[in-house]
Every structure is written in structure tokens, then in C-alpha cells.
Amino acid sequence: IFNMDLVILCVFLPLVTVAWGQYGDYNYQHYDYGGNDGWVNVYRQGFNFQCPHGQVIVAVRSTFSKKEGSDRLWNYACMPTPQSLGEPTECWWEEINRAGMQWYQTCSNNGLVAGFQSQYFPSVLDREWQFYCCRYSRRCPYSCSMTTEQPGHYGEDMDMMMYTYDHYIRGATTTFSAVDRDRQWKFIICRMTDFDCQFQNL
């Protein structure tokens, strides 16, 4: 039995070491979600969530309740960006994405998502959304792709985490179901350049 345990340890320990090494000082295993009770909002109420200065959204968690107006509770986790990105030079709220509609939005001006603002509308049993975006002084996003649908089916819980150290959320596209009165999200994930961007040319 001892030898088998040793073999297992020898096989898995290097994998664990490699995984932790990729994240450096960032502990992506235990996200520190905001909110005292685990959620930043209550059902049918608006909310405004912003990461602390110099941090961006790295995880989104949500649970759905049909009896609470087909609404969701939300929570977010933030992480500091690496020094290589530079400092946030400006932050802003993007335009509102209306309730009851499908939409697609990325942060303008090379921004990364650092917060969410939302209002609930009982007339459509849906929310309008705004992204809080920040642009960093040195690096800019490129090589963007979308996550799979979050959640996988309407009405399910959502738990979307950024497992890759050098990828960042730049926006999202959503579909709204008039039957289920719920949304599925595909988050737009980008890498950041390894070189300093010439922002004046963009």
C-alpha cells in the first residue's frame, strides 16, 4: 500500500506544482467573492459592483429563482492585474444593455471588465446591464474568444471562473429566453499583448 501511495504522489505532485507555478502569486482556487451573505444583490433589486482600483473580474457566480420574479442573485470575484499591464489610466461605465433583448458588448478603448451594474425590470422579468471597464497604461487585449454558454441551460446555477492566468474578461454576449425569462452568457475572454501598445494609433 505504501508503494502505491508513493507512486501516486510521484505522478500527481509534479502536476500540482506545474499548475500552481502558472499562477504565481494568484490563488485562483479560492475566489474571494464580495458580499456578506455571498451575493452582491437581493432579488428584484438593482446593484452596482466595482472591483477595487487595479483589479478586474475573474469569476462570476449566480443562482436563478423563478418564484422571485425569474431573477438571479449575483456575485463576483476580483484579482489584481500583474504589474506588466501598467496602471489603470481610466475607468468608465459602458452604455446600458436593455432588458428583454439579446446583446453583444465589449469594453471600448481596450478596456477590461472591472465591474457590473444592473437594474431589474418587473415588466419583462429581466435586467438591464452595464459594464464597468478600465484601460491599462501599457498592454492591450488581443486574441479574443468566447466561453461556452453560462449557465449551460436556462434556470441553472452559473459558476464561471478564469482558470488561465493571462486571460481577461473584455465583455459578453447574451441571449434572453422569453419562455424561461432567463439569460445565457458567453463571456468574451482576451489575452493581453506581451509588448506595450501604441494607444494613440488605435
Protein backbone atom coordinates (compact mmCIF):
# COMPACT_ATOMS: atom_id res chain seq x y z
CA ILE A 1 0.00 0.00 0.00
CA PHE A 2 2.83 2.37 0.87
CA ASN A 3 4.47 1.86 -2.53
CA MET A 4 1.20 2.58 -4.34
CA ASP A 5 0.76 5.82 -2.38
CA LEU A 6 4.31 6.80 -3.28
CA VAL A 7 3.68 6.12 -6.97
CA ILE A 8 0.51 8.24 -6.89
CA LEU A 9 2.37 11.04 -5.10
CA CYS A 10 5.20 10.95 -7.65
CA VAL A 11 2.72 11.15 -10.54
CA PHE A 12 0.49 13.92 -9.19
CA LEU A 13 2.90 16.14 -7.27
CA PRO A 14 4.63 17.47 -10.42
CA LEU A 15 1.22 18.23 -11.95
CA VAL A 16 0.17 20.20 -8.87
CA THR A 17 3.50 22.05 -8.86
CA VAL A 18 3.12 22.97 -12.54
CA ALA A 19 -0.45 24.17 -12.01
CA TRP A 20 0.48 26.39 -9.07
CA GLY A 21 3.57 27.67 -10.87
CA GLN A 22 1.47 29.03 -13.72
CA TYR A 23 -0.49 31.26 -11.37
CA GLY A 24 2.40 32.75 -9.44
CA ASP A 25 1.00 34.76 -6.53
CA TYR A 26 -2.59 34.48 -7.74
CA ASN A 27 -4.64 31.92 -5.83
CA TYR A 28 -7.31 31.09 -8.40
CA GLN A 29 -8.51 28.11 -6.38
CA HIS A 30 -10.29 30.12 -3.67
CA TYR A 31 -12.00 33.19 -5.06
CA ASP A 32 -12.80 35.89 -2.57
CA TYR A 33 -16.34 36.82 -3.51
CA GLY A 34 -17.74 40.08 -2.19
CA GLY A 35 -20.89 40.46 -0.11
CA ASN A 36 -21.57 39.39 3.46
CA ASP A 37 -24.08 36.67 2.58
CA GLY A 38 -22.36 35.51 -0.60
CA TRP A 39 -24.34 37.74 -3.01
CA VAL A 40 -23.99 41.38 -4.05
CA ASN A 41 -27.74 41.84 -4.64
CA VAL A 42 -31.16 40.73 -3.45
CA TYR A 43 -33.88 39.56 -5.83
CA ARG A 44 -35.65 42.25 -7.89
CA GLN A 45 -33.23 44.97 -6.76
CA GLY A 46 -30.55 46.88 -8.63
CA PHE A 47 -26.87 46.64 -7.76
CA ASN A 48 -23.53 48.20 -8.55
CA PHE A 49 -20.34 46.16 -8.14
CA GLN A 50 -16.87 47.53 -8.82
CA CYS A 51 -13.54 45.83 -8.22
CA PRO A 52 -11.00 47.79 -6.17
CA HIS A 53 -8.70 50.03 -8.22
CA GLY A 54 -6.19 47.95 -10.21
CA GLN A 55 -8.29 44.77 -10.13
CA VAL A 56 -10.53 43.07 -12.70
CA ILE A 57 -13.35 40.50 -12.64
CA VAL A 58 -12.08 36.90 -12.69
CA ALA A 59 -15.16 34.93 -11.59
CA VAL A 60 -18.95 35.23 -11.88
CA ARG A 61 -21.39 33.26 -9.76
CA SER A 62 -25.20 33.30 -9.98
CA THR A 63 -28.32 31.41 -8.96
CA PHE A 64 -31.80 31.65 -10.51
CA SER A 65 -35.24 31.76 -8.85
CA LYS A 66 -38.45 31.54 -10.87
CA LYS A 67 -40.61 32.40 -7.86
CA GLU A 68 -38.55 35.54 -7.18
CA GLY A 69 -39.56 37.17 -10.46
CA SER A 70 -37.35 34.90 -12.61
CA ASP A 71 -34.43 36.85 -11.25
CA ARG A 72 -30.88 35.96 -10.26
CA LEU A 73 -28.60 36.58 -7.32
CA TRP A 74 -25.08 37.56 -8.43
CA ASN A 75 -21.60 37.64 -7.04
CA TYR A 76 -18.19 38.45 -8.46
CA ALA A 77 -14.55 37.90 -7.60
CA CYS A 78 -11.72 40.30 -8.45
CA MET A 79 -7.97 39.85 -8.76
CA PRO A 80 -5.15 42.41 -9.02
CA THR A 81 -3.68 42.66 -12.51
CA PRO A 82 0.04 41.96 -12.94
CA GLN A 83 2.41 44.93 -12.95
CA SER A 84 3.27 44.23 -16.60
CA LEU A 85 -0.14 45.68 -17.66
CA GLY A 86 0.72 49.02 -16.10
CA GLU A 87 -1.72 51.12 -14.07
CA PRO A 88 -5.38 51.72 -14.96
CA THR A 89 -5.33 55.04 -16.80
CA GLU A 90 -9.10 55.48 -16.98
CA CYS A 91 -12.28 53.68 -15.97
CA TRP A 92 -15.84 54.22 -17.19
CA TRP A 93 -19.35 52.77 -17.44
CA GLU A 94 -20.29 51.47 -20.88
CA GLU A 95 -23.71 52.10 -22.43
CA ILE A 96 -26.72 50.29 -21.00
CA ASN A 97 -27.77 46.93 -22.47
CA ARG A 98 -31.56 46.91 -22.36
CA ALA A 99 -33.70 44.34 -20.56
CA GLY A 100 -35.56 41.71 -22.59
CA MET A 101 -33.15 41.89 -25.53
CA GLN A 102 -30.15 39.96 -26.81
CA TRP A 103 -26.95 41.96 -26.86
CA TYR A 104 -23.21 41.87 -27.51
CA GLN A 105 -20.77 44.28 -25.92
CA THR A 106 -17.04 44.61 -25.39
CA CYS A 107 -15.35 47.29 -23.35
CA SER A 108 -14.43 50.13 -25.69
CA ASN A 109 -10.98 51.74 -25.77
CA ASN A 110 -9.17 48.43 -25.00
CA GLY A 111 -10.80 48.19 -21.58
CA LEU A 112 -11.17 45.15 -19.32
CA VAL A 113 -14.29 44.39 -17.25
CA ALA A 114 -13.85 45.56 -13.66
CA GLY A 115 -17.48 45.73 -12.56
CA PHE A 116 -21.17 45.30 -13.31
CA GLN A 117 -24.22 47.46 -12.75
CA SER A 118 -27.76 46.16 -13.16
CA GLN A 119 -31.40 47.18 -12.70
CA TYR A 120 -34.35 44.77 -12.56
CA PHE A 121 -37.50 45.41 -14.62
CA PRO A 122 -40.62 43.54 -13.41
CA SER A 123 -42.46 44.31 -16.66
CA VAL A 124 -40.13 41.98 -18.61
CA LEU A 125 -38.78 39.85 -15.72
CA ASP A 126 -35.25 40.72 -16.79
CA ARG A 127 -32.37 43.08 -16.06
CA GLU A 128 -30.53 45.78 -17.92
CA TRP A 129 -26.75 45.68 -17.65
CA GLN A 130 -23.72 47.94 -17.79
CA PHE A 131 -20.05 47.00 -17.74
CA TYR A 132 -17.54 48.98 -15.71
CA CYS A 133 -14.35 48.99 -17.81
CA CYS A 134 -10.76 50.03 -17.15
CA ARG A 135 -7.95 50.59 -19.62
CA TYR A 136 -4.39 49.83 -18.61
CA SER A 137 -1.43 52.04 -19.49
CA ARG A 138 0.87 49.50 -21.16
CA ARG A 139 -0.86 46.42 -22.59
CA CYS A 140 -3.99 45.87 -24.67
CA PRO A 141 -6.25 42.90 -25.41
CA TYR A 142 -5.92 40.62 -28.44
CA SER A 143 -6.67 37.01 -29.45
CA CYS A 144 -10.18 37.06 -28.01
CA SER A 145 -12.59 34.15 -27.82
CA MET A 146 -15.87 33.30 -26.12
CA THR A 147 -16.62 30.94 -23.27
CA THR A 148 -19.31 28.29 -23.60
CA GLU A 149 -22.83 29.30 -22.52
CA GLN A 150 -23.04 30.26 -18.87
CA PRO A 151 -25.10 28.68 -17.41
CA GLY A 152 -25.31 25.58 -19.62
CA HIS A 153 -29.14 25.74 -19.60
CA TYR A 154 -31.63 28.45 -18.66
CA GLY A 155 -32.51 28.44 -14.97
CA GLU A 156 -29.33 26.67 -13.83
CA ASP A 157 -26.68 27.99 -11.47
CA MET A 158 -23.68 29.72 -13.01
CA ASP A 159 -20.10 29.48 -11.79
CA MET A 160 -17.69 30.90 -14.36
CA MET A 161 -14.03 31.15 -13.32
CA MET A 162 -10.95 32.34 -15.14
CA TYR A 163 -8.57 29.39 -14.85
CA THR A 164 -5.91 30.81 -17.15
CA TYR A 165 -3.62 33.39 -15.58
CA ASP A 166 -3.06 35.67 -18.60
CA HIS A 167 -6.67 35.87 -19.88
CA TYR A 168 -9.11 38.64 -19.03
CA ILE A 169 -12.83 39.38 -19.47
CA ARG A 170 -13.44 42.06 -22.11
CA GLY A 171 -17.23 41.79 -22.48
CA ALA A 172 -20.07 39.37 -23.13
CA THR A 173 -22.84 38.37 -25.47
CA THR A 174 -26.16 37.19 -24.05
CA THR A 175 -29.33 35.52 -25.26
CA PHE A 176 -32.63 36.04 -23.49
CA SER A 177 -35.36 33.40 -23.35
CA ALA A 178 -38.87 34.83 -23.44
CA VAL A 179 -40.13 31.44 -22.18
CA ASP A 180 -37.72 30.88 -19.29
CA ARG A 181 -37.20 34.61 -18.59
CA ASP A 182 -33.52 33.97 -18.08
CA ARG A 183 -30.24 34.74 -19.83
CA GLN A 184 -27.31 32.69 -21.02
CA TRP A 185 -23.98 34.48 -21.20
CA LYS A 186 -20.88 33.91 -23.29
CA PHE A 187 -18.04 35.92 -21.82
CA ILE A 188 -15.52 37.43 -24.21
CA ILE A 189 -12.06 36.44 -22.99
CA CYS A 190 -8.85 38.02 -24.30
CA ARG A 191 -5.13 37.66 -23.81
CA MET A 192 -3.04 40.78 -23.24
CA THR A 193 -0.15 41.71 -25.50
CA ASP A 194 3.40 40.94 -24.41
CA PHE A 195 4.51 44.33 -25.69
CA ASP A 196 3.48 47.89 -24.91
CA CYS A 197 0.64 49.15 -27.13
CA GLN A 198 0.74 52.32 -29.15
CA PHE A 199 -2.64 53.51 -27.91
CA GLN A 200 -2.62 56.69 -29.94
CA ASN A 201 -2.77 54.59 -33.12
CA LEU A 202 -5.83 52.60 -32.06
